[in-house]
Amino acid sequence: MIKTIAAKRELELGTHRSIADFMSNLDHEYPKLNLWTLYVKANELHMNFYEDNMPSDRVKEHSEAVKELIEKLKRIQ
């Protein structure tokens, strides 16, 4: 979803850093949506996929944050 929004703005996101920078910019553009906080949780969940370091209750919590992030991104695409 993030890369889709970037592509519509004629931006290509090829690194984790470029995605983070883009999300930071979106968060500044839409401050009421709290996108950065949700993105950070999504990123932590992504890291957990490889590291398996989160307790299951936190995985569930972060999964809900990802759902919320997707719904909010749908509104701005």
Protein backbone atom coordinates (compact mmCIF):
# COMPACT_ATOMS: atom_id res chain seq x y z
CA MET A 1 0.00 0.00 0.00
CA ILE A 2 2.83 2.38 0.85
CA LYS A 3 4.60 1.73 -2.45
CA THR A 4 1.31 2.16 -4.33
CA ILE A 5 0.81 5.63 -2.87
CA ALA A 6 4.42 6.52 -3.66
CA ALA A 7 4.05 5.28 -7.25
CA LYS A 8 0.99 7.46 -7.73
CA ARG A 9 3.22 10.36 -6.72
CA GLU A 10 5.82 9.17 -9.23
CA LEU A 11 8.22 8.04 -6.50
CA GLU A 12 10.03 4.73 -6.35
CA LEU A 13 10.80 3.27 -2.95
CA GLY A 14 13.65 0.80 -3.17
CA THR A 15 15.05 0.66 0.36
CA HIS A 16 13.71 0.40 3.88
CA ARG A 17 15.09 3.88 4.48
CA SER A 18 13.20 5.33 1.52
CA ILE A 19 9.98 3.76 2.80
CA ALA A 20 10.59 5.19 6.27
CA ASP A 21 11.35 8.63 4.83
CA PHE A 22 8.19 8.50 2.72
CA MET A 23 6.08 7.46 5.71
CA SER A 24 7.58 10.26 7.76
CA ASN A 25 6.60 12.71 5.03
CA LEU A 26 3.07 11.27 4.86
CA ASP A 27 2.81 11.58 8.63
CA HIS A 28 3.69 15.28 8.36
CA GLU A 29 1.24 15.70 5.51
CA TYR A 30 -1.60 13.97 7.42
CA PRO A 31 -0.74 14.50 11.10
CA LYS A 32 -4.18 13.57 12.41
CA LEU A 33 -3.90 10.04 10.99
CA ASN A 34 -1.01 9.05 13.27
CA LEU A 35 0.65 7.20 10.38
CA TRP A 36 4.17 7.14 11.78
CA THR A 37 3.22 5.35 14.99
CA LEU A 38 1.28 2.74 13.04
CA TYR A 39 4.10 2.35 10.53
CA VAL A 40 6.63 1.76 13.32
CA LYS A 41 4.45 -1.05 14.67
CA ALA A 42 4.14 -2.54 11.20
CA ASN A 43 7.91 -2.37 10.78
CA GLU A 44 8.48 -4.03 14.16
CA LEU A 45 6.12 -6.81 13.11
CA HIS A 46 8.09 -7.19 9.87
CA MET A 47 11.33 -7.49 11.84
CA ASN A 48 9.70 -10.03 14.15
CA PHE A 49 9.00 -12.25 11.15
CA TYR A 50 12.75 -12.75 10.83
CA GLU A 51 13.82 -12.47 14.47
CA ASP A 52 10.86 -14.02 16.34
CA ASN A 53 11.46 -11.81 19.35
CA MET A 54 7.97 -10.52 20.19
CA PRO A 55 5.55 -12.07 22.66
CA SER A 56 2.36 -13.29 21.00
CA ASP A 57 0.17 -10.64 22.65
CA ARG A 58 2.36 -7.93 21.09
CA VAL A 59 2.20 -9.65 17.70
CA LYS A 60 -1.61 -9.50 17.89
CA GLU A 61 -1.50 -5.83 18.96
CA HIS A 62 0.85 -4.92 16.14
CA SER A 63 -1.26 -6.87 13.65
CA GLU A 64 -4.23 -4.70 14.58
CA ALA A 65 -2.07 -1.61 14.05
CA VAL A 66 -1.21 -2.86 10.55
CA LYS A 67 -4.90 -3.24 9.74
CA GLU A 68 -5.52 0.31 10.97
CA LEU A 69 -2.58 1.63 8.93
CA ILE A 70 -3.88 -0.02 5.77
CA GLU A 71 -7.35 1.46 6.26
CA LYS A 72 -5.90 4.92 6.78
CA LEU A 73 -3.63 4.61 3.75
CA LYS A 74 -6.61 3.59 1.64
CA ARG A 75 -8.21 6.95 2.47
CA ILE A 76 -5.29 8.96 1.13
CA GLN A 77 -4.37 6.95 -1.95
